[in-house]
C-alpha atoms as a PDB file:
ATOM      1  CA  UNK A   1      47.688  66.502-159.919  1.00  0.00           C
ATOM      2  CA  UNK A   2      45.116  69.477-158.674  1.00  0.00           C
ATOM      3  CA  UNK A   3      45.839  72.983-160.233  1.00  0.00           C
ATOM      4  CA  UNK A   4      45.063  76.380-158.747  1.00  0.00           C
ATOM      5  CA  UNK A   5      44.487  79.515-160.106  1.00  0.00           C
ATOM      6  CA  UNK A   6      47.290  82.079-159.271  1.00  0.00           C
ATOM      7  CA  UNK A   7      45.056  85.024-159.665  1.00  0.00           C
ATOM      8  CA  UNK A   8      41.421  86.039-160.299  1.00  0.00           C
ATOM      9  CA  UNK A   9      39.877  85.429-163.156  1.00  0.00           C
ATOM     10  CA  UNK A  10      38.530  88.518-165.269  1.00  0.00           C
ATOM     11  CA  UNK A  11      36.431  88.711-168.423  1.00  0.00           C
ATOM     12  CA  UNK A  12      36.597  92.123-170.936  1.00  0.00           C
ATOM     13  CA  UNK A  13      33.300  92.659-172.150  1.00  0.00           C
ATOM     14  CA  UNK A  14      30.062  95.715-172.470  1.00  0.00           C
ATOM     15  CA  UNK A  15      26.703  94.471-170.868  1.00  0.00           C
ATOM     16  CA  UNK A  16      24.783  96.491-173.045  1.00  0.00           C
ATOM     17  CA  UNK A  17      21.032  95.181-172.179  1.00  0.00           C
ATOM     18  CA  UNK A  18      19.814  92.900-169.436  1.00  0.00           C
ATOM     19  CA  UNK A  19      19.137  89.840-170.101  1.00  0.00           C
ATOM     20  CA  UNK A  20      22.374  89.721-172.126  1.00  0.00           C
ATOM     21  CA  UNK A  21      21.445  88.605-175.759  1.00  0.00           C
ATOM     22  CA  UNK A  22      24.388  87.686-177.685  1.00  0.00           C
ATOM     23  CA  UNK A  23      27.333  89.346-175.875  1.00  0.00           C
ATOM     24  CA  UNK A  24      30.856  88.022-176.488  1.00  0.00           C
ATOM     25  CA  UNK A  25      33.202  88.772-173.390  1.00  0.00           C
ATOM     26  CA  UNK A  26      37.102  87.734-173.482  1.00  0.00           C
ATOM     27  CA  UNK A  27      39.359  86.789-170.595  1.00  0.00           C
ATOM     28  CA  UNK A  28      41.334  90.176-169.833  1.00  0.00           C
ATOM     29  CA  UNK A  29      44.473  88.393-169.308  1.00  0.00           C
ATOM     30  CA  UNK A  30      45.747  84.761-169.622  1.00  0.00           C
ATOM     31  CA  UNK A  31      44.698  82.873-166.311  1.00  0.00           C
ATOM     32  CA  UNK A  32      48.363  80.642-164.853  1.00  0.00           C
ATOM     33  CA  UNK A  33      47.617  77.145-162.893  1.00  0.00           C
ATOM     34  CA  UNK A  34      50.381  76.107-160.768  1.00  0.00           C
ATOM     35  CA  UNK A  35      50.034  73.137-158.173  1.00  0.00           C
ATOM     36  CA  UNK A  36      47.980  73.319-154.921  1.00  0.00           C
ATOM     37  CA  UNK A  37      51.044  74.514-152.651  1.00  0.00           C
ATOM     38  CA  UNK A  38      53.378  75.980-155.082  1.00  0.00           C
ATOM     39  CA  UNK A  39      51.874  78.790-156.750  1.00  0.00           C
ATOM     40  CA  UNK A  40      55.167  79.894-158.567  1.00  0.00           C
ATOM     41  CA  UNK A  41      55.236  76.695-160.286  1.00  0.00           C
ATOM     42  CA  UNK A  42      52.958  77.608-163.970  1.00  0.00           C
ATOM     43  CA  UNK A  43      52.145  74.408-164.850  1.00  0.00           C
ATOM     44  CA  UNK A  44      49.188  75.576-167.651  1.00  0.00           C
ATOM     45  CA  UNK A  45      47.672  78.517-168.917  1.00  0.00           C
ATOM     46  CA  UNK A  46      44.062  79.473-170.476  1.00  0.00           C
ATOM     47  CA  UNK A  47      44.782  81.794-173.389  1.00  0.00           C
ATOM     48  CA  UNK A  48      41.328  82.412-174.917  1.00  0.00           C
ATOM     49  CA  UNK A  49      37.920  81.721-173.819  1.00  0.00           C
ATOM     50  CA  UNK A  50      35.883  83.681-175.839  1.00  0.00           C
ATOM     51  CA  UNK A  51      32.046  83.397-174.110  1.00  0.00           C
ATOM     52  CA  UNK A  52      28.963  84.598-175.916  1.00  0.00           C
ATOM     53  CA  UNK A  53      26.419  85.230-172.857  1.00  0.00           C
ATOM     54  CA  UNK A  54      22.285  85.198-174.038  1.00  0.00           C
ATOM     55  CA  UNK A  55      19.524  84.219-172.164  1.00  0.00           C
ATOM     56  CA  UNK A  56      16.799  81.871-173.358  1.00  0.00           C
ATOM     57  CA  UNK A  57      13.969  81.755-170.574  1.00  0.00           C
END
């Protein structure tokens, strides 16, 4: 089965410095996944995805 995101992914966080130095970002809302061609039939959901953004050259 191939799944497709039913809406645009968005994260929440404030970029305080650039390049990022350990800033933590969270999803603004859960991400629903549905079979391709049937966006109304949600079969999976991603509820959390904490990300730590850092830059190491």
